[in-house]
Amino acid sequence: MPNFTRDAIIRSFLGLLNEKPVNHITVKDIVEACGINRNSFYYHFQDLPALIEAVLQAEADRIISENASLDSFEDCLLAAVSLAQNNRNAVLHLYQADRGLYGQYLDRIAEYAVEKYITAALNDIVIPEEDRKIIVHYYKCLLVGMVLDWMNSGMQYDIRSRVARVCELFEGSMQQAVNRAAEKFRQKPSNA
């Protein structure tokens, strides 16, 4: 039963967040929206910042569990922006209230997505672990940067078409990086 109440609090909070900024939402608003008392709220969450963190954590967990495989950089981006596209106003309000926390959420999703994508792209190619980490880091930063730019613009442009064009323009660049890393790995002098 506690999970039902916790989920009701989260749903009510997201509903309110779609209507108004975080700093205009009180615990009283949330408990009235979901028909519980304040003690029930505080049983599940210490305060509103704890609720915000729980919402972002749960959403990150959901996105990660739903995206077991990602076949393109575009798929990585779509995973990273799915919450924002489904709850535009709520996410803008969360982002404006705590960019650092939203950045952590986005970073976690982006790293997961890029790791999955690069692991699939490597297939059986062997590269040095340090090079793999560098490639993952580069594409994660690219993904996070694109999403944050979109968020900073107030989601004013079509991020899907922008990413599709970026993918067209830079098609093969990751494969080139992987090939260079593999070549370097193959050329390593052996200890004779």
C-alpha atoms as a PDB file:
ATOM      1  CA  MET A   1       0.000   0.000   0.000  1.00  0.00           C
ATOM      2  CA  PRO A   2       2.807   2.518   0.710  1.00  0.00           C
ATOM      3  CA  ASN A   3       3.910   2.320  -2.937  1.00  0.00           C
ATOM      4  CA  PHE A   4       0.402   3.316  -4.023  1.00  0.00           C
ATOM      5  CA  THR A   5       0.544   6.429  -1.827  1.00  0.00           C
ATOM      6  CA  ARG A   6       4.079   7.259  -2.936  1.00  0.00           C
ATOM      7  CA  ASP A   7       3.078   6.918  -6.601  1.00  0.00           C
ATOM      8  CA  ALA A   8      -0.012   9.083  -5.984  1.00  0.00           C
ATOM      9  CA  ILE A   9       2.196  11.791  -4.477  1.00  0.00           C
ATOM     10  CA  ILE A  10       4.527  11.679  -7.472  1.00  0.00           C
ATOM     11  CA  ARG A  11       1.647  11.771  -9.979  1.00  0.00           C
ATOM     12  CA  SER A  12       0.010  14.677  -8.150  1.00  0.00           C
ATOM     13  CA  PHE A  13       3.305  16.554  -8.013  1.00  0.00           C
ATOM     14  CA  LEU A  14       3.903  16.055 -11.753  1.00  0.00           C
ATOM     15  CA  GLY A  15       0.362  17.209 -12.470  1.00  0.00           C
ATOM     16  CA  LEU A  16       0.888  20.375 -10.445  1.00  0.00           C
ATOM     17  CA  LEU A  17       4.331  20.833 -11.994  1.00  0.00           C
ATOM     18  CA  ASN A  18       2.763  20.874 -15.450  1.00  0.00           C
ATOM     19  CA  GLU A  19       0.636  23.818 -14.263  1.00  0.00           C
ATOM     20  CA  LYS A  20       3.073  25.925 -12.227  1.00  0.00           C
ATOM     21  CA  PRO A  21       6.732  26.308 -11.207  1.00  0.00           C
ATOM     22  CA  VAL A  22       8.223  24.363  -8.300  1.00  0.00           C
ATOM     23  CA  ASN A  23       8.445  27.434  -6.066  1.00  0.00           C
ATOM     24  CA  HIS A  24       4.665  27.839  -6.323  1.00  0.00           C
ATOM     25  CA  ILE A  25       3.915  24.261  -5.218  1.00  0.00           C
ATOM     26  CA  THR A  26       3.544  23.429  -1.548  1.00  0.00           C
ATOM     27  CA  VAL A  27       3.201  20.166   0.316  1.00  0.00           C
ATOM     28  CA  LYS A  28      -0.363  21.284   1.063  1.00  0.00           C
ATOM     29  CA  ASP A  29      -1.073  21.533  -2.687  1.00  0.00           C
ATOM     30  CA  ILE A  30       0.267  18.033  -3.255  1.00  0.00           C
ATOM     31  CA  VAL A  31      -1.604  16.351  -0.407  1.00  0.00           C
ATOM     32  CA  GLU A  32      -4.855  18.061  -1.406  1.00  0.00           C
ATOM     33  CA  ALA A  33      -4.382  16.978  -5.024  1.00  0.00           C
ATOM     34  CA  CYS A  34      -3.955  13.326  -4.083  1.00  0.00           C
ATOM     35  CA  GLY A  35      -6.312  13.241  -1.086  1.00  0.00           C
ATOM     36  CA  ILE A  36      -3.881  12.288   1.658  1.00  0.00           C
ATOM     37  CA  ASN A  37      -2.693  14.001   4.832  1.00  0.00           C
ATOM     38  CA  ARG A  38       0.625  15.769   5.398  1.00  0.00           C
ATOM     39  CA  ASN A  39       1.934  12.939   7.569  1.00  0.00           C
ATOM     40  CA  SER A  40       1.557  10.542   4.650  1.00  0.00           C
ATOM     41  CA  PHE A  41       3.606  12.880   2.477  1.00  0.00           C
ATOM     42  CA  TYR A  42       6.358  13.143   5.095  1.00  0.00           C
ATOM     43  CA  TYR A  43       6.342   9.377   5.602  1.00  0.00           C
ATOM     44  CA  HIS A  44       7.494   9.015   1.991  1.00  0.00           C
ATOM     45  CA  PHE A  45       9.499  12.207   1.409  1.00  0.00           C
ATOM     46  CA  GLN A  46      11.508  14.418   3.739  1.00  0.00           C
ATOM     47  CA  ASP A  47      10.596  17.560   1.774  1.00  0.00           C
ATOM     48  CA  LEU A  48       9.943  18.862  -1.740  1.00  0.00           C
ATOM     49  CA  PRO A  49      13.614  18.615  -2.833  1.00  0.00           C
ATOM     50  CA  ALA A  50      13.586  14.935  -1.802  1.00  0.00           C
ATOM     51  CA  LEU A  51      10.420  14.460  -3.866  1.00  0.00           C
ATOM     52  CA  ILE A  52      12.036  16.130  -6.891  1.00  0.00           C
ATOM     53  CA  GLU A  53      15.076  13.895  -6.570  1.00  0.00           C
ATOM     54  CA  ALA A  54      12.862  10.798  -6.270  1.00  0.00           C
ATOM     55  CA  VAL A  55      10.892  11.803  -9.377  1.00  0.00           C
ATOM     56  CA  LEU A  56      14.054  12.241 -11.453  1.00  0.00           C
ATOM     57  CA  GLN A  57      15.592   9.029 -10.094  1.00  0.00           C
ATOM     58  CA  ALA A  58      12.450   7.014 -10.848  1.00  0.00           C
ATOM     59  CA  GLU A  59      12.254   8.497 -14.336  1.00  0.00           C
ATOM     60  CA  ALA A  60      15.914   7.716 -15.022  1.00  0.00           C
ATOM     61  CA  ASP A  61      15.374   4.131 -13.830  1.00  0.00           C
ATOM     62  CA  ARG A  62      12.310   3.800 -16.085  1.00  0.00           C
ATOM     63  CA  ILE A  63      14.081   5.154 -19.154  1.00  0.00           C
ATOM     64  CA  ILE A  64      17.074   2.895 -18.577  1.00  0.00           C
ATOM     65  CA  SER A  65      14.921  -0.209 -18.106  1.00  0.00           C
ATOM     66  CA  GLU A  66      12.898   0.567 -21.256  1.00  0.00           C
ATOM     67  CA  ASN A  67      15.962   1.092 -23.438  1.00  0.00           C
ATOM     68  CA  ALA A  68      17.894  -2.153 -23.205  1.00  0.00           C
ATOM     69  CA  SER A  69      19.414  -1.609 -26.647  1.00  0.00           C
ATOM     70  CA  LEU A  70      20.009   1.559 -28.601  1.00  0.00           C
ATOM     71  CA  ASP A  71      20.929   1.279 -32.255  1.00  0.00           C
ATOM     72  CA  SER A  72      21.813   4.870 -33.109  1.00  0.00           C
ATOM     73  CA  PHE A  73      22.922   8.157 -31.628  1.00  0.00           C
ATOM     74  CA  GLU A  74      19.440   9.399 -32.447  1.00  0.00           C
ATOM     75  CA  ASP A  75      17.956   6.648 -30.250  1.00  0.00           C
ATOM     76  CA  CYS A  76      20.261   7.799 -27.429  1.00  0.00           C
ATOM     77  CA  LEU A  77      18.961  11.330 -27.713  1.00  0.00           C
ATOM     78  CA  LEU A  78      15.331  10.277 -27.855  1.00  0.00           C
ATOM     79  CA  ALA A  79      15.809   8.290 -24.648  1.00  0.00           C
ATOM     80  CA  ALA A  80      17.382  11.332 -22.985  1.00  0.00           C
ATOM     81  CA  VAL A  81      14.554  13.690 -23.945  1.00  0.00           C
ATOM     82  CA  SER A  82      11.592  11.361 -23.490  1.00  0.00           C
ATOM     83  CA  LEU A  83      10.606  12.787 -20.092  1.00  0.00           C
ATOM     84  CA  ALA A  84      10.849  16.331 -21.416  1.00  0.00           C
ATOM     85  CA  GLN A  85       8.787  15.581 -24.496  1.00  0.00           C
ATOM     86  CA  ASN A  86       6.060  13.867 -22.477  1.00  0.00           C
ATOM     87  CA  ASN A  87       5.941  16.474 -19.676  1.00  0.00           C
ATOM     88  CA  ARG A  88       7.188  19.666 -21.303  1.00  0.00           C
ATOM     89  CA  ASN A  89       6.047  22.210 -18.706  1.00  0.00           C
ATOM     90  CA  ALA A  90       6.883  19.984 -15.731  1.00  0.00           C
ATOM     91  CA  VAL A  91      10.424  19.375 -16.987  1.00  0.00           C
ATOM     92  CA  LEU A  92      10.993  23.046 -17.768  1.00  0.00           C
ATOM     93  CA  HIS A  93       9.848  23.894 -14.249  1.00  0.00           C
ATOM     94  CA  LEU A  94      12.135  21.225 -12.752  1.00  0.00           C
ATOM     95  CA  TYR A  95      15.062  22.380 -14.874  1.00  0.00           C
ATOM     96  CA  GLN A  96      14.539  26.013 -13.929  1.00  0.00           C
ATOM     97  CA  ALA A  97      14.248  25.093 -10.231  1.00  0.00           C
ATOM     98  CA  ASP A  98      17.360  22.914  -9.984  1.00  0.00           C
ATOM     99  CA  ARG A  99      19.593  22.718 -13.044  1.00  0.00           C
ATOM    100  CA  GLY A 100      22.213  20.764 -11.143  1.00  0.00           C
ATOM    101  CA  LEU A 101      19.843  17.982 -10.169  1.00  0.00           C
ATOM    102  CA  TYR A 102      18.326  17.867 -13.645  1.00  0.00           C
ATOM    103  CA  GLY A 103      21.857  17.789 -15.064  1.00  0.00           C
ATOM    104  CA  GLN A 104      22.677  14.746 -12.912  1.00  0.00           C
ATOM    105  CA  TYR A 105      19.541  13.013 -14.160  1.00  0.00           C
ATOM    106  CA  LEU A 106      20.394  13.807 -17.759  1.00  0.00           C
ATOM    107  CA  ASP A 107      24.022  12.794 -17.320  1.00  0.00           C
ATOM    108  CA  ARG A 108      22.982   9.382 -15.939  1.00  0.00           C
ATOM    109  CA  ILE A 109      20.628   8.705 -18.832  1.00  0.00           C
ATOM    110  CA  ALA A 110      23.079   9.968 -21.453  1.00  0.00           C
ATOM    111  CA  GLU A 111      25.941   7.874 -20.116  1.00  0.00           C
ATOM    112  CA  TYR A 112      23.784   4.761 -20.046  1.00  0.00           C
ATOM    113  CA  ALA A 113      22.469   5.406 -23.554  1.00  0.00           C
ATOM    114  CA  VAL A 114      25.888   6.094 -25.040  1.00  0.00           C
ATOM    115  CA  GLU A 115      27.435   3.073 -23.267  1.00  0.00           C
ATOM    116  CA  LYS A 116      24.754   0.809 -24.753  1.00  0.00           C
ATOM    117  CA  TYR A 117      25.134   2.323 -28.208  1.00  0.00           C
ATOM    118  CA  ILE A 118      28.925   2.138 -28.271  1.00  0.00           C
ATOM    119  CA  THR A 119      28.975  -1.396 -26.898  1.00  0.00           C
ATOM    120  CA  ALA A 120      26.703  -2.425 -29.780  1.00  0.00           C
ATOM    121  CA  ALA A 121      28.724  -0.393 -32.302  1.00  0.00           C
ATOM    122  CA  LEU A 122      32.003  -2.010 -31.215  1.00  0.00           C
ATOM    123  CA  ASN A 123      30.581  -5.436 -31.913  1.00  0.00           C
ATOM    124  CA  ASP A 124      33.742  -7.598 -31.832  1.00  0.00           C
ATOM    125  CA  ILE A 125      36.246  -4.781 -32.331  1.00  0.00           C
ATOM    126  CA  VAL A 126      38.819  -4.669 -29.558  1.00  0.00           C
ATOM    127  CA  ILE A 127      40.062  -1.256 -28.465  1.00  0.00           C
ATOM    128  CA  PRO A 128      41.954  -0.090 -25.396  1.00  0.00           C
ATOM    129  CA  GLU A 129      39.674   0.446 -22.418  1.00  0.00           C
ATOM    130  CA  GLU A 130      40.920   4.012 -21.969  1.00  0.00           C
ATOM    131  CA  ASP A 131      40.005   4.824 -25.595  1.00  0.00           C
ATOM    132  CA  ARG A 132      36.534   3.317 -25.097  1.00  0.00           C
ATOM    133  CA  LYS A 133      36.050   5.519 -22.034  1.00  0.00           C
ATOM    134  CA  ILE A 134      37.168   8.591 -23.993  1.00  0.00           C
ATOM    135  CA  ILE A 135      34.758   7.831 -26.846  1.00  0.00           C
ATOM    136  CA  VAL A 136      31.865   7.273 -24.417  1.00  0.00           C
ATOM    137  CA  HIS A 137      32.706  10.482 -22.567  1.00  0.00           C
ATOM    138  CA  TYR A 138      32.878  12.503 -25.794  1.00  0.00           C
ATOM    139  CA  TYR A 139      29.500  11.321 -27.085  1.00  0.00           C
ATOM    140  CA  LYS A 140      27.883  11.613 -23.654  1.00  0.00           C
ATOM    141  CA  CYS A 141      29.023  15.235 -23.435  1.00  0.00           C
ATOM    142  CA  LEU A 142      27.744  15.860 -26.954  1.00  0.00           C
ATOM    143  CA  LEU A 143      24.364  14.379 -26.075  1.00  0.00           C
ATOM    144  CA  VAL A 144      24.056  16.231 -22.758  1.00  0.00           C
ATOM    145  CA  GLY A 145      25.159  19.492 -24.388  1.00  0.00           C
ATOM    146  CA  MET A 146      22.537  19.192 -27.122  1.00  0.00           C
ATOM    147  CA  VAL A 147      19.758  18.484 -24.613  1.00  0.00           C
ATOM    148  CA  LEU A 148      20.834  21.312 -22.281  1.00  0.00           C
ATOM    149  CA  ASP A 149      20.974  23.745 -25.195  1.00  0.00           C
ATOM    150  CA  TRP A 150      17.452  22.698 -26.133  1.00  0.00           C
ATOM    151  CA  MET A 151      16.318  23.106 -22.513  1.00  0.00           C
ATOM    152  CA  ASN A 152      17.982  26.538 -22.267  1.00  0.00           C
ATOM    153  CA  SER A 153      16.054  27.622 -25.356  1.00  0.00           C
ATOM    154  CA  GLY A 154      12.813  26.662 -23.597  1.00  0.00           C
ATOM    155  CA  MET A 155      12.493  23.687 -25.970  1.00  0.00           C
ATOM    156  CA  GLN A 156      11.818  26.147 -28.771  1.00  0.00           C
ATOM    157  CA  TYR A 157      13.171  24.065 -31.638  1.00  0.00           C
ATOM    158  CA  ASP A 158      12.522  20.575 -32.917  1.00  0.00           C
ATOM    159  CA  ILE A 159      15.313  18.610 -31.307  1.00  0.00           C
ATOM    160  CA  ARG A 160      14.477  15.457 -33.270  1.00  0.00           C
ATOM    161  CA  SER A 161      15.121  17.099 -36.622  1.00  0.00           C
ATOM    162  CA  ARG A 162      18.232  18.836 -35.280  1.00  0.00           C
ATOM    163  CA  VAL A 163      19.692  15.543 -34.092  1.00  0.00           C
ATOM    164  CA  ALA A 164      18.728  13.777 -37.304  1.00  0.00           C
ATOM    165  CA  ARG A 165      20.707  16.412 -39.212  1.00  0.00           C
ATOM    166  CA  VAL A 166      23.679  16.174 -36.843  1.00  0.00           C
ATOM    167  CA  CYS A 167      23.671  12.408 -37.358  1.00  0.00           C
ATOM    168  CA  GLU A 168      23.673  12.893 -41.140  1.00  0.00           C
ATOM    169  CA  LEU A 169      26.508  15.426 -41.017  1.00  0.00           C
ATOM    170  CA  PHE A 170      28.716  13.366 -38.715  1.00  0.00           C
ATOM    171  CA  GLU A 171      27.796   9.893 -39.899  1.00  0.00           C
ATOM    172  CA  GLY A 172      30.731   7.530 -39.508  1.00  0.00           C
ATOM    173  CA  SER A 173      32.690   9.754 -37.103  1.00  0.00           C
ATOM    174  CA  MET A 174      32.284   7.342 -34.203  1.00  0.00           C
ATOM    175  CA  GLN A 175      33.286   4.433 -36.386  1.00  0.00           C
ATOM    176  CA  GLN A 176      36.400   6.378 -37.407  1.00  0.00           C
ATOM    177  CA  ALA A 177      37.302   6.916 -33.755  1.00  0.00           C
ATOM    178  CA  VAL A 178      36.746   3.223 -33.012  1.00  0.00           C
ATOM    179  CA  ASN A 179      38.818   2.205 -36.042  1.00  0.00           C
ATOM    180  CA  ARG A 180      41.663   4.514 -35.009  1.00  0.00           C
ATOM    181  CA  ALA A 181      41.600   3.100 -31.484  1.00  0.00           C
ATOM    182  CA  ALA A 182      41.562  -0.475 -32.838  1.00  0.00           C
ATOM    183  CA  GLU A 183      44.448   0.284 -35.203  1.00  0.00           C
ATOM    184  CA  LYS A 184      46.468   1.762 -32.353  1.00  0.00           C
ATOM    185  CA  PHE A 185      45.700  -1.321 -30.269  1.00  0.00           C
ATOM    186  CA  ARG A 186      46.820  -3.684 -33.059  1.00  0.00           C
ATOM    187  CA  GLN A 187      50.066  -1.727 -33.543  1.00  0.00           C
ATOM    188  CA  LYS A 188      51.057  -1.998 -29.898  1.00  0.00           C
ATOM    189  CA  PRO A 189      54.569  -3.430 -29.760  1.00  0.00           C
ATOM    190  CA  SER A 190      54.670  -6.862 -28.231  1.00  0.00           C
ATOM    191  CA  ASN A 191      57.190  -7.674 -25.539  1.00  0.00           C
ATOM    192  CA  ALA A 192      59.575  -9.974 -27.335  1.00  0.00           C
END
